Amino acid sequence: MALSPTEARAAAAAGCPVDHSAAAQAEAAHDRHGYEPFDMKNPFPSYAELRRNEPVMYDESIDCWVVTRYADVKSTFENWEIFSSENAQAPVRERGPQATQIMKDGGFTAYSGLSARMPPEHTRIRAIAQRAFTPRRFKALEPTIRENTRAALQGMLANPDRTGDFFAQVAYDIPTITILTLLGVDPSLVPTYKRWSDSRAAMTWGNLDDEDQIPHAHNLVEYWQECTALVTEAHAAGGDSLIADLVTAQDGGAEITDHEIASLCYSLLFAGHETTTTLIANCIRVLLTHRDQWEHLVDDPSRIPSAVDEVLRFSGSIVAWRRRALADTEIGGVAIPKGANILLVMGSANRDAEVFENPDAFDIGRSDARNHLSFGFGIHYCLGNMLAKLQAKIALEETIAAVPGLQLAQDADIDFRENLSFRVPLSVPVTWEA
């Protein structure tokens, strides 16, 4: 069993007889076929080992049954009556007493928008949200997305040394501006919402000790208070935004509360940009790593939608998501007890050779890339998938048009944020000719 750094230090201080050295933790990882839940640098070899040797494995370090084969992941997503999503937004590491008190004192009562809700509640809220989350709204946003992308690219290309960080200078802001515009929020608040979103990712899916949780707890209180204020403002002033649409629907008799609308805001103001920033960054990172595929897009930009789906399959923004067993059951022939937590590793399922031929090859001509599970499956399938793919498509179109000779920086060694579910590059260093 691998301990967190805090647990290891505490054990050592107490003279614990169990060996918690680096060598012991390496051996524990070996016992789990090399799988380290929070290490996102290159998890794919360990995923392959798990699929081959132990496709349904219990990992004590995260108290989850780790599921890695495509058929098992898909069927578990689909069977919502047995495999509940109620733990999807629960903190991976228990909140410490100080963080808990900060959030209690701040009136933090946020709940999942949709991903952790179950029918009939989920069915009711999703039906109302879909009436506001329409393709018409996405289409209306397209000129703004394109304009923002061009401006961000020109800003990066103005760097006199012809080097830049595509993640920080292009991908980082675009989806946040988009989701803020969709929800009727001032786009100048991008840095604030990014700070709040970083805290939400760290507090829910990260591996923080009690002390490190404290600043994030303060941020989440601010974040939730802002979401409730946005609903209050929509009641008072209306407007042309998704929040105003939900308030209007409520006034027209739709069965949705202010708290549920605020919770949707809490979810959308995170999920609506965090994963799309990563998707855009990954499109550039993966395509530039596979230069022949980039050149195919330069020659024929009409292949960009297929390329986006292949990036989602090959290197998705979300690589794992949680469920909880509501009854004694089984997955892939392995007994799963009632109450057990389950980690569905979509990043592994998307490279299952039983489904995808030569799965470790990146190929934008792949005919079945759209069968990836990066947006989930079943009743909780991502509501914003079309908007995410639209923004990635525009980003690639504009980048190829502006700088077809873009290159990944020589010898770039890209690190990824430690996280259980989100695989986020810390940078995407690029270069270009004059």
Protein backbone atom coordinates (compact mmCIF):
# COMPACT_ATOMS: atom_id res chain seq x y z
CA MET A 1 0.00 0.00 0.00
CA ALA A 2 1.47 3.35 -1.05
CA LEU A 3 1.06 6.15 1.50
CA SER A 4 0.79 9.85 0.85
CA PRO A 5 3.86 11.89 1.81
CA THR A 6 2.07 13.12 4.94
CA GLU A 7 1.13 9.58 5.99
CA ALA A 8 4.65 8.33 5.33
CA ARG A 9 6.19 11.11 7.44
CA ALA A 10 3.72 10.45 10.27
CA ALA A 11 4.42 6.72 10.16
CA ALA A 12 8.16 7.28 10.27
CA ALA A 13 7.83 9.66 13.21
CA ALA A 14 5.78 7.11 15.12
CA GLY A 15 8.38 4.40 14.56
CA CYS A 16 5.97 2.39 12.45
CA PRO A 17 7.36 -1.14 11.85
CA VAL A 18 6.17 -1.14 8.24
CA ASP A 19 8.77 -0.09 5.67
CA HIS A 20 7.56 3.16 4.06
CA SER A 21 10.79 3.90 2.23
CA ALA A 22 10.94 4.85 -1.43
CA ALA A 23 11.99 1.29 -2.21
CA ALA A 24 8.95 -0.08 -0.36
CA GLN A 25 6.61 2.27 -2.17
CA ALA A 26 8.20 1.28 -5.50
CA GLU A 27 7.55 -2.36 -4.59
CA ALA A 28 3.92 -1.49 -3.79
CA ALA A 29 3.61 0.12 -7.21
CA HIS A 30 5.07 -3.06 -8.72
CA ASP A 31 2.37 -5.05 -6.94
CA ARG A 32 -0.16 -2.81 -8.68
CA HIS A 33 1.47 -3.44 -12.07
CA GLY A 34 3.21 -0.07 -11.99
CA TYR A 35 -0.03 1.85 -11.45
CA GLU A 36 0.37 5.08 -9.49
CA PRO A 37 -3.09 6.74 -9.21
CA PHE A 38 -1.95 10.38 -9.13
CA ASP A 39 1.03 10.14 -11.51
CA MET A 40 -0.06 11.43 -14.92
CA LYS A 41 3.37 11.70 -16.57
CA ASN A 42 2.88 8.54 -18.62
CA PRO A 43 0.27 6.21 -17.12
CA PHE A 44 -0.34 4.21 -20.30
CA PRO A 45 2.21 1.39 -19.76
CA SER A 46 0.70 0.66 -16.35
CA TYR A 47 -2.79 0.76 -17.87
CA ALA A 48 -1.67 -1.86 -20.40
CA GLU A 49 -0.25 -4.04 -17.61
CA LEU A 50 -3.52 -3.81 -15.72
CA ARG A 51 -5.60 -4.71 -18.78
CA ARG A 52 -3.41 -7.75 -19.37
CA ASN A 53 -2.95 -8.99 -15.82
CA GLU A 54 -5.58 -7.57 -13.45
CA PRO A 55 -8.27 -5.61 -15.31
CA VAL A 56 -10.32 -5.20 -12.12
CA MET A 57 -7.91 -4.48 -9.24
CA TYR A 58 -8.46 -3.16 -5.74
CA ASP A 59 -6.08 -0.32 -4.81
CA GLU A 60 -5.96 0.38 -1.06
CA SER A 61 -4.20 3.71 -1.54
CA ILE A 62 -7.36 5.24 -3.04
CA ASP A 63 -9.93 2.72 -1.74
CA CYS A 64 -11.13 1.99 -5.27
CA TRP A 65 -11.57 -0.97 -7.56
CA VAL A 66 -9.64 0.12 -10.66
CA VAL A 67 -11.33 -0.98 -13.91
CA THR A 68 -9.30 -0.76 -17.11
CA ARG A 69 -10.88 -2.76 -19.97
CA TYR A 70 -13.19 -1.02 -22.45
CA ALA A 71 -16.12 -3.43 -22.16
CA ASP A 72 -16.08 -3.27 -18.35
CA VAL A 73 -15.76 0.52 -18.22
CA LYS A 74 -18.57 1.04 -20.74
CA SER A 75 -20.97 -1.45 -19.14
CA THR A 76 -20.35 0.05 -15.68
CA PHE A 77 -21.11 3.56 -16.95
CA GLU A 78 -24.26 2.22 -18.59
CA ASN A 79 -25.59 0.38 -15.54
CA TRP A 80 -26.44 3.42 -13.40
CA GLU A 81 -28.99 1.48 -11.35
CA ILE A 82 -26.21 -0.61 -9.77
CA PHE A 83 -23.22 1.71 -10.19
CA SER A 84 -24.15 5.08 -8.72
CA SER A 85 -22.42 8.34 -9.61
CA GLU A 86 -22.99 9.69 -6.09
CA ASN A 87 -19.23 9.68 -5.33
CA ALA A 88 -18.13 11.31 -8.60
CA GLN A 89 -17.56 14.68 -6.92
CA ALA A 90 -16.53 13.45 -3.47
CA PRO A 91 -13.04 14.45 -2.29
CA VAL A 92 -10.53 11.68 -2.98
CA ARG A 93 -8.70 12.66 0.22
CA GLU A 94 -10.88 13.47 3.25
CA ARG A 95 -11.04 17.16 4.07
CA GLY A 96 -9.10 18.17 7.13
CA PRO A 97 -10.79 19.83 10.13
CA GLN A 98 -9.59 23.36 9.28
CA ALA A 99 -10.71 23.20 5.65
CA THR A 100 -14.02 21.69 6.74
CA GLN A 101 -14.62 24.53 9.22
CA ILE A 102 -13.69 27.20 6.68
CA MET A 103 -16.21 25.83 4.20
CA LYS A 104 -18.90 25.43 6.85
CA ASP A 105 -18.42 28.98 8.14
CA GLY A 106 -18.52 30.29 4.55
CA GLY A 107 -21.87 28.69 3.83
CA PHE A 108 -20.45 26.28 1.26
CA THR A 109 -23.27 23.91 0.28
CA ALA A 110 -22.43 23.36 -3.41
CA TYR A 111 -23.42 20.07 -4.92
CA SER A 112 -22.87 18.52 -8.31
CA GLY A 113 -24.65 20.05 -11.28
CA LEU A 114 -25.35 16.70 -12.93
CA SER A 115 -22.43 14.25 -12.80
CA ALA A 116 -23.00 13.09 -9.20
CA ARG A 117 -26.80 13.14 -9.31
CA MET A 118 -28.98 10.08 -9.92
CA PRO A 119 -32.44 9.63 -11.46
CA PRO A 120 -35.06 10.86 -10.99
CA GLU A 121 -33.28 14.03 -9.81
CA HIS A 122 -30.66 13.80 -12.57
CA THR A 123 -33.30 13.21 -15.25
CA ARG A 124 -35.34 16.22 -14.12
CA ILE A 125 -32.43 18.68 -13.95
CA ARG A 126 -30.71 17.48 -17.13
CA ALA A 127 -33.91 17.86 -19.17
CA ILE A 128 -34.19 21.49 -18.01
CA ALA A 129 -30.50 22.23 -18.55
CA GLN A 130 -30.59 20.81 -22.08
CA ARG A 131 -33.27 23.33 -23.00
CA ALA A 132 -30.76 26.10 -22.25
CA PHE A 133 -27.57 24.29 -23.34
CA THR A 134 -28.45 24.27 -27.03
CA PRO A 135 -26.51 24.03 -30.32
CA ARG A 136 -27.97 27.45 -31.17
CA ARG A 137 -26.07 29.00 -28.27
CA PHE A 138 -22.88 27.22 -29.27
CA LYS A 139 -23.20 28.41 -32.87
CA ALA A 140 -23.73 31.97 -31.71
CA LEU A 141 -20.48 31.74 -29.72
CA GLU A 142 -18.39 30.56 -32.68
CA PRO A 143 -17.34 34.03 -33.99
CA THR A 144 -16.27 35.05 -30.48
CA ILE A 145 -14.29 31.84 -29.99
CA ARG A 146 -12.55 32.35 -33.33
CA GLU A 147 -11.76 35.99 -32.60
CA ASN A 148 -10.36 35.15 -29.15
CA THR A 149 -8.26 32.33 -30.60
CA ARG A 150 -6.77 34.59 -33.26
CA ALA A 151 -5.96 37.26 -30.69
CA ALA A 152 -4.29 34.74 -28.37
CA LEU A 153 -2.26 33.28 -31.23
CA GLN A 154 -1.11 36.69 -32.39
CA GLY A 155 -0.10 37.51 -28.84
CA MET A 156 2.04 34.39 -28.64
CA LEU A 157 3.51 34.85 -32.14
CA ALA A 158 4.60 38.35 -31.16
CA ASN A 159 7.21 36.83 -28.82
CA PRO A 160 10.50 38.14 -30.27
CA ASP A 161 12.44 34.95 -29.58
CA ARG A 162 9.86 32.88 -31.54
CA THR A 163 9.19 30.59 -28.59
CA GLY A 164 6.06 30.28 -26.50
CA ASP A 165 3.94 28.14 -24.24
CA PHE A 166 0.81 27.16 -26.16
CA PHE A 167 -0.88 26.00 -22.96
CA ALA A 168 -0.42 29.27 -21.06
CA GLN A 169 -0.62 31.73 -23.95
CA VAL A 170 -3.38 30.24 -26.12
CA ALA A 171 -5.27 27.29 -24.62
CA TYR A 172 -5.53 28.62 -21.07
CA ASP A 173 -7.93 31.54 -21.50
CA ILE A 174 -10.06 30.71 -24.56
CA PRO A 175 -12.48 28.14 -23.04
CA THR A 176 -12.81 30.20 -19.85
CA ILE A 177 -13.85 33.29 -21.81
CA THR A 178 -16.31 31.09 -23.73
CA ILE A 179 -17.99 29.62 -20.66
CA LEU A 180 -18.09 32.98 -18.86
CA THR A 181 -19.75 34.51 -21.93
CA LEU A 182 -22.23 31.64 -22.08
CA LEU A 183 -23.15 32.18 -18.43
CA GLY A 184 -23.27 35.97 -18.66
CA VAL A 185 -20.16 36.61 -16.54
CA ASP A 186 -17.62 39.39 -17.17
CA PRO A 187 -14.79 37.76 -19.22
CA SER A 188 -12.23 39.97 -17.49
CA LEU A 189 -12.66 37.69 -14.47
CA VAL A 190 -10.81 34.81 -16.18
CA PRO A 191 -7.90 34.79 -13.66
CA THR A 192 -10.31 34.65 -10.73
CA TYR A 193 -12.32 31.76 -12.14
CA LYS A 194 -9.14 29.91 -13.09
CA ARG A 195 -7.91 30.25 -9.50
CA TRP A 196 -11.19 28.89 -8.18
CA SER A 197 -11.19 26.04 -10.72
CA ASP A 198 -7.64 25.05 -9.84
CA SER A 199 -8.74 24.83 -6.21
CA ARG A 200 -11.75 22.71 -7.08
CA ALA A 201 -9.59 20.24 -9.04
CA ALA A 202 -7.05 20.07 -6.21
CA MET A 203 -9.60 19.68 -3.41
CA THR A 204 -11.75 17.07 -5.15
CA TRP A 205 -9.34 14.94 -7.18
CA GLY A 206 -5.96 15.90 -5.74
CA ASN A 207 -3.77 14.42 -3.00
CA LEU A 208 -3.46 17.34 -0.54
CA ASP A 209 -2.52 17.17 3.12
CA ASP A 210 -4.61 19.10 5.67
CA GLU A 211 -2.46 22.25 5.62
CA ASP A 212 -2.36 22.46 1.83
CA GLN A 213 -6.17 22.30 1.73
CA ILE A 214 -6.65 25.57 3.62
CA PRO A 215 -6.14 28.16 0.82
CA HIS A 216 -8.20 26.01 -1.54
CA ALA A 217 -11.04 25.89 1.00
CA HIS A 218 -11.15 29.71 1.07
CA ASN A 219 -11.23 29.75 -2.75
CA LEU A 220 -14.13 27.30 -2.88
CA VAL A 221 -16.16 29.44 -0.47
CA GLU A 222 -15.62 32.46 -2.75
CA TYR A 223 -16.49 30.35 -5.79
CA TRP A 224 -19.78 29.11 -4.33
CA GLN A 225 -20.79 32.56 -3.10
CA GLU A 226 -20.25 33.89 -6.63
CA CYS A 227 -22.45 31.15 -8.11
CA THR A 228 -25.34 31.97 -5.75
CA ALA A 229 -24.90 35.68 -6.49
CA LEU A 230 -25.15 35.01 -10.25
CA VAL A 231 -28.53 33.32 -9.76
CA THR A 232 -29.77 36.22 -7.64
CA GLU A 233 -28.65 38.69 -10.32
CA ALA A 234 -30.39 36.67 -13.05
CA HIS A 235 -33.66 36.86 -11.09
CA ALA A 236 -33.27 40.62 -10.74
CA ALA A 237 -31.97 41.58 -14.18
CA GLY A 238 -32.64 38.68 -16.55
CA GLY A 239 -30.45 38.85 -19.64
CA ASP A 240 -29.28 36.64 -22.48
CA SER A 241 -27.32 33.90 -20.75
CA LEU A 242 -27.65 30.27 -19.79
CA ILE A 243 -28.28 31.23 -16.16
CA ALA A 244 -31.05 33.63 -17.20
CA ASP A 245 -32.56 30.86 -19.35
CA LEU A 246 -32.67 28.55 -16.34
CA VAL A 247 -34.24 31.23 -14.15
CA THR A 248 -36.81 31.95 -16.87
CA ALA A 249 -37.61 28.25 -17.09
CA GLN A 250 -38.06 28.15 -13.32
CA ASP A 251 -40.41 31.17 -13.47
CA GLY A 252 -42.34 29.35 -16.19
CA GLY A 253 -42.94 26.35 -13.95
CA ALA A 254 -39.87 24.20 -14.53
CA GLU A 255 -39.06 22.14 -11.44
CA ILE A 256 -35.61 23.48 -10.56
CA THR A 257 -34.50 25.36 -7.44
CA ASP A 258 -32.11 28.28 -7.09
CA HIS A 259 -29.68 25.97 -5.28
CA GLU A 260 -29.79 23.52 -8.21
CA ILE A 261 -29.18 26.35 -10.70
CA ALA A 262 -26.26 27.60 -8.60
CA SER A 263 -24.90 24.04 -8.45
CA LEU A 264 -25.11 23.82 -12.25
CA CYS A 265 -23.13 27.08 -12.40
CA TYR A 266 -20.60 25.66 -9.94
CA SER A 267 -20.12 22.65 -12.22
CA LEU A 268 -20.21 24.43 -15.58
CA LEU A 269 -17.82 27.18 -14.51
CA PHE A 270 -15.33 24.37 -13.86
CA ALA A 271 -16.10 21.59 -16.32
CA GLY A 272 -16.99 24.04 -19.08
CA HIS A 273 -13.41 25.20 -19.48
CA GLU A 274 -10.91 23.16 -17.45
CA THR A 275 -11.11 20.05 -19.61
CA THR A 276 -11.40 22.06 -22.85
CA THR A 277 -8.22 23.99 -22.05
CA THR A 278 -6.52 20.61 -21.68
CA LEU A 279 -8.09 19.28 -24.89
CA ILE A 280 -6.82 22.24 -26.92
CA ALA A 281 -3.35 21.93 -25.39
CA ASN A 282 -3.34 18.18 -26.01
CA CYS A 283 -4.36 18.62 -29.64
CA ILE A 284 -1.24 20.71 -30.23
CA ARG A 285 1.03 18.60 -28.01
CA VAL A 286 0.05 15.25 -29.52
CA LEU A 287 -0.09 16.42 -33.14
CA LEU A 288 3.29 18.12 -32.97
CA THR A 289 4.74 14.99 -31.36
CA HIS A 290 3.41 13.04 -34.36
CA ARG A 291 4.66 15.38 -37.06
CA ASP A 292 3.32 13.39 -40.02
CA GLN A 293 -0.22 13.70 -38.60
CA TRP A 294 0.20 17.47 -38.19
CA GLU A 295 1.29 17.74 -41.81
CA HIS A 296 -1.80 15.79 -42.91
CA LEU A 297 -3.94 18.48 -41.25
CA VAL A 298 -1.92 21.30 -42.79
CA ASP A 299 -2.56 19.71 -46.21
CA ASP A 300 -6.24 18.99 -45.50
CA PRO A 301 -7.84 20.93 -42.59
CA SER A 302 -11.17 19.18 -43.27
CA ARG A 303 -9.71 16.27 -41.28
CA ILE A 304 -9.57 18.33 -38.09
CA PRO A 305 -12.81 16.97 -36.53
CA SER A 306 -11.46 13.42 -36.89
CA ALA A 307 -8.15 14.54 -35.39
CA VAL A 308 -9.93 15.98 -32.34
CA ASP A 309 -11.68 12.66 -31.70
CA GLU A 310 -8.39 10.80 -32.05
CA VAL A 311 -6.76 13.14 -29.52
CA LEU A 312 -9.67 12.47 -27.16
CA ARG A 313 -9.10 8.73 -27.58
CA PHE A 314 -5.32 8.79 -27.45
CA SER A 315 -4.79 11.41 -24.72
CA GLY A 316 -8.04 12.57 -23.16
CA SER A 317 -8.41 15.37 -20.63
CA ILE A 318 -10.15 13.06 -18.14
CA VAL A 319 -8.60 9.61 -17.78
CA ALA A 320 -10.63 8.23 -14.85
CA TRP A 321 -14.01 8.73 -13.17
CA ARG A 322 -15.65 7.26 -10.10
CA ARG A 323 -18.73 5.19 -9.31
CA ARG A 324 -20.06 3.37 -6.22
CA ALA A 325 -21.68 -0.07 -6.09
CA LEU A 326 -25.21 0.03 -4.66
CA ALA A 327 -25.37 -3.75 -4.23
CA ASP A 328 -23.12 -6.77 -4.20
CA THR A 329 -22.25 -7.23 -7.86
CA GLU A 330 -19.39 -8.03 -10.19
CA ILE A 331 -17.32 -6.39 -12.92
CA GLY A 332 -15.50 -8.54 -15.44
CA GLY A 333 -16.14 -11.62 -13.32
CA VAL A 334 -14.65 -10.04 -10.19
CA ALA A 335 -16.90 -9.76 -7.12
CA ILE A 336 -17.54 -6.15 -6.05
CA PRO A 337 -19.10 -5.62 -2.59
CA LYS A 338 -21.93 -3.21 -1.89
CA GLY A 339 -20.61 0.28 -1.07
CA ALA A 340 -17.32 -0.21 -2.93
CA ASN A 341 -15.79 2.72 -4.81
CA ILE A 342 -14.93 2.09 -8.44
CA LEU A 343 -12.48 3.99 -10.63
CA LEU A 344 -13.32 3.67 -14.31
CA VAL A 345 -10.12 4.33 -16.24
CA MET A 346 -11.30 5.69 -19.60
CA GLY A 347 -7.70 6.50 -20.53
CA SER A 348 -7.02 2.76 -20.45
CA ALA A 349 -10.28 1.71 -22.11
CA ASN A 350 -9.50 4.03 -25.02
CA ARG A 351 -6.37 1.98 -25.72
CA ASP A 352 -7.94 -1.46 -25.45
CA ALA A 353 -6.81 -3.62 -28.39
CA GLU A 354 -10.10 -5.53 -28.17
CA VAL A 355 -11.78 -2.38 -29.52
CA PHE A 356 -9.13 -0.27 -31.28
CA GLU A 357 -6.65 -1.76 -33.73
CA ASN A 358 -3.03 -0.86 -32.90
CA PRO A 359 -4.33 1.28 -30.01
CA ASP A 360 -1.03 2.89 -29.01
CA ALA A 361 -0.62 4.42 -32.47
CA PHE A 362 -1.92 7.96 -33.00
CA ASP A 363 -3.79 8.01 -36.30
CA ILE A 364 -6.17 10.79 -37.34
CA GLY A 365 -7.47 8.54 -40.12
CA ARG A 366 -8.79 6.02 -37.60
CA SER A 367 -12.41 5.27 -38.51
CA ASP A 368 -13.59 4.35 -35.01
CA ALA A 369 -11.95 7.07 -32.90
CA ARG A 370 -15.38 8.44 -31.99
CA ASN A 371 -16.02 5.30 -29.96
CA HIS A 372 -13.75 6.65 -27.23
CA LEU A 373 -15.15 6.96 -23.70
CA SER A 374 -13.54 10.30 -22.81
CA PHE A 375 -16.96 11.95 -22.40
CA GLY A 376 -18.28 9.02 -20.38
CA PHE A 377 -21.23 6.90 -21.51
CA GLY A 378 -24.89 6.48 -20.69
CA ILE A 379 -27.14 8.94 -18.89
CA HIS A 380 -24.21 11.02 -17.61
CA TYR A 381 -22.61 11.52 -21.05
CA CYS A 382 -21.00 14.97 -21.06
CA LEU A 383 -23.58 17.67 -21.79
CA GLY A 384 -20.94 20.05 -23.16
CA ASN A 385 -19.17 17.66 -25.53
CA MET A 386 -20.18 19.58 -28.67
CA LEU A 387 -18.92 22.89 -27.28
CA ALA A 388 -15.59 21.34 -26.25
CA LYS A 389 -15.03 19.82 -29.68
CA LEU A 390 -16.07 23.03 -31.42
CA GLN A 391 -13.46 25.02 -29.51
CA ALA A 392 -10.73 22.46 -30.21
CA LYS A 393 -11.66 22.46 -33.89
CA ILE A 394 -11.46 26.26 -34.10
CA ALA A 395 -8.16 26.32 -32.21
CA LEU A 396 -6.62 23.86 -34.66
CA GLU A 397 -8.03 25.65 -37.71
CA GLU A 398 -6.69 29.02 -36.61
CA THR A 399 -3.31 27.66 -35.49
CA ILE A 400 -2.70 25.81 -38.75
CA ALA A 401 -3.71 28.90 -40.74
CA ALA A 402 -1.51 31.25 -38.70
CA VAL A 403 1.59 29.13 -38.17
CA PRO A 404 1.64 25.84 -40.13
CA GLY A 405 5.34 25.42 -39.31
CA LEU A 406 4.74 25.33 -35.56
CA GLN A 407 7.08 22.90 -33.77
CA LEU A 408 7.23 21.40 -30.31
CA ALA A 409 10.30 22.81 -28.58
CA GLN A 410 13.31 20.58 -29.07
CA ASP A 411 13.81 18.09 -26.24
CA ALA A 412 10.58 19.25 -24.58
CA ASP A 413 9.93 17.13 -21.49
CA ILE A 414 6.35 17.94 -20.56
CA ASP A 415 5.21 17.26 -17.02
CA PHE A 416 1.61 16.76 -15.92
CA ARG A 417 -0.28 17.88 -12.83
CA GLU A 418 -0.70 15.17 -10.19
CA ASN A 419 -4.36 14.23 -10.09
CA LEU A 420 -6.56 11.15 -9.92
CA SER A 421 -8.81 11.99 -12.87
CA PHE A 422 -7.50 14.93 -14.90
CA ARG A 423 -4.38 14.60 -17.08
CA VAL A 424 -3.27 18.21 -17.51
CA PRO A 425 0.07 19.23 -19.08
CA LEU A 426 1.86 21.94 -17.14
CA SER A 427 3.10 23.51 -20.38
CA VAL A 428 3.30 22.95 -24.13
CA PRO A 429 6.53 24.69 -25.24
CA VAL A 430 6.56 25.55 -28.95
CA THR A 431 8.80 27.29 -31.49
CA TRP A 432 8.32 28.66 -34.98
CA GLU A 433 10.28 30.28 -37.79
CA ALA A 434 10.04 33.99 -38.58
